[in-house]
């Protein structure tokens, strides 16, 4: 699956440090700044009613949709 296909879906993400994050992907932000050579993608995850996490794509080990 492409990363864009996870938008607005309930996902379970395992980070490279071994922690798990479960929530709904509410935004996918892709930054390409050629002047500063910055290229990264972040996922904004709604974990709980008032709890959000910003996760860089390079921190993710695995990601899957929760059914």
C-alpha atoms as a PDB file:
ATOM      1  CA  UNK A   1       0.000   0.000   0.000  1.00  0.00           C
ATOM      2  CA  UNK A   2       1.061   3.552  -0.636  1.00  0.00           C
ATOM      3  CA  UNK A   3       1.285   5.846   2.381  1.00  0.00           C
ATOM      4  CA  UNK A   4      -1.526   8.034   1.000  1.00  0.00           C
ATOM      5  CA  UNK A   5      -3.931   5.077   1.183  1.00  0.00           C
ATOM      6  CA  UNK A   6      -3.774   5.184   5.006  1.00  0.00           C
ATOM      7  CA  UNK A   7      -5.334   8.664   5.186  1.00  0.00           C
ATOM      8  CA  UNK A   8      -8.457   8.697   7.425  1.00  0.00           C
ATOM      9  CA  UNK A   9      -7.964   5.044   8.395  1.00  0.00           C
ATOM     10  CA  UNK A  10      -7.397   3.430  11.784  1.00  0.00           C
ATOM     11  CA  UNK A  11      -3.803   2.171  11.800  1.00  0.00           C
ATOM     12  CA  UNK A  12      -1.337   0.399  14.049  1.00  0.00           C
ATOM     13  CA  UNK A  13       2.225   1.679  13.677  1.00  0.00           C
ATOM     14  CA  UNK A  14       5.276  -0.026  15.107  1.00  0.00           C
ATOM     15  CA  UNK A  15       8.162   2.392  15.470  1.00  0.00           C
ATOM     16  CA  UNK A  16      11.812   1.420  15.076  1.00  0.00           C
ATOM     17  CA  UNK A  17      12.340   1.858  18.820  1.00  0.00           C
ATOM     18  CA  UNK A  18       9.745  -0.882  19.484  1.00  0.00           C
ATOM     19  CA  UNK A  19       6.839   1.267  20.654  1.00  0.00           C
ATOM     20  CA  UNK A  20       3.379   0.974  19.113  1.00  0.00           C
ATOM     21  CA  UNK A  21       1.079   3.832  18.160  1.00  0.00           C
ATOM     22  CA  UNK A  22      -2.558   3.184  17.311  1.00  0.00           C
ATOM     23  CA  UNK A  23      -4.876   5.825  15.944  1.00  0.00           C
ATOM     24  CA  UNK A  24      -6.434   7.491  12.918  1.00  0.00           C
ATOM     25  CA  UNK A  25      -4.254   9.133  10.272  1.00  0.00           C
ATOM     26  CA  UNK A  26      -5.734  12.610   9.933  1.00  0.00           C
ATOM     27  CA  UNK A  27      -3.046  14.255   7.798  1.00  0.00           C
ATOM     28  CA  UNK A  28      -0.040  13.310   5.689  1.00  0.00           C
ATOM     29  CA  UNK A  29       2.404  16.155   5.240  1.00  0.00           C
ATOM     30  CA  UNK A  30       5.172  15.928   2.649  1.00  0.00           C
ATOM     31  CA  UNK A  31       7.938  18.527   2.629  1.00  0.00           C
ATOM     32  CA  UNK A  32      10.365  18.998  -0.235  1.00  0.00           C
ATOM     33  CA  UNK A  33      12.658  21.964   0.357  1.00  0.00           C
ATOM     34  CA  UNK A  34      15.355  21.768  -2.291  1.00  0.00           C
ATOM     35  CA  UNK A  35      17.228  24.810  -0.988  1.00  0.00           C
ATOM     36  CA  UNK A  36      17.897  23.181   2.395  1.00  0.00           C
ATOM     37  CA  UNK A  37      17.927  19.602   1.015  1.00  0.00           C
ATOM     38  CA  UNK A  38      15.066  18.650   3.314  1.00  0.00           C
ATOM     39  CA  UNK A  39      12.852  15.795   2.163  1.00  0.00           C
ATOM     40  CA  UNK A  40      10.541  14.173   4.687  1.00  0.00           C
ATOM     41  CA  UNK A  41       7.028  12.931   5.219  1.00  0.00           C
ATOM     42  CA  UNK A  42       5.150  13.128   8.498  1.00  0.00           C
ATOM     43  CA  UNK A  43       1.928  11.490   9.633  1.00  0.00           C
ATOM     44  CA  UNK A  44      -0.401  13.271  12.018  1.00  0.00           C
ATOM     45  CA  UNK A  45      -2.105  10.566  14.082  1.00  0.00           C
ATOM     46  CA  UNK A  46      -5.124  11.103  16.313  1.00  0.00           C
ATOM     47  CA  UNK A  47      -4.461   8.707  19.179  1.00  0.00           C
ATOM     48  CA  UNK A  48      -7.243   9.836  21.493  1.00  0.00           C
ATOM     49  CA  UNK A  49      -9.868  12.552  21.681  1.00  0.00           C
ATOM     50  CA  UNK A  50      -7.322  15.220  22.696  1.00  0.00           C
ATOM     51  CA  UNK A  51      -4.060  13.403  21.930  1.00  0.00           C
ATOM     52  CA  UNK A  52      -2.240  13.736  18.617  1.00  0.00           C
ATOM     53  CA  UNK A  53       1.157  12.396  17.527  1.00  0.00           C
ATOM     54  CA  UNK A  54       3.385  13.639  14.738  1.00  0.00           C
ATOM     55  CA  UNK A  55       5.443  10.755  13.374  1.00  0.00           C
ATOM     56  CA  UNK A  56       8.222  11.044  10.813  1.00  0.00           C
ATOM     57  CA  UNK A  57       8.092   8.370   8.115  1.00  0.00           C
ATOM     58  CA  UNK A  58      11.699   7.327   8.834  1.00  0.00           C
ATOM     59  CA  UNK A  59      10.687   6.422  12.431  1.00  0.00           C
ATOM     60  CA  UNK A  60       8.204   3.786  11.221  1.00  0.00           C
ATOM     61  CA  UNK A  61       9.164   0.127  11.089  1.00  0.00           C
ATOM     62  CA  UNK A  62       5.745  -1.260  10.074  1.00  0.00           C
ATOM     63  CA  UNK A  63       2.294   0.178   9.486  1.00  0.00           C
ATOM     64  CA  UNK A  64      -0.985  -1.618   8.976  1.00  0.00           C
ATOM     65  CA  UNK A  65      -4.695  -0.899   8.906  1.00  0.00           C
ATOM     66  CA  UNK A  66      -6.765  -2.046  11.895  1.00  0.00           C
ATOM     67  CA  UNK A  67      -9.939  -3.764  10.751  1.00  0.00           C
END
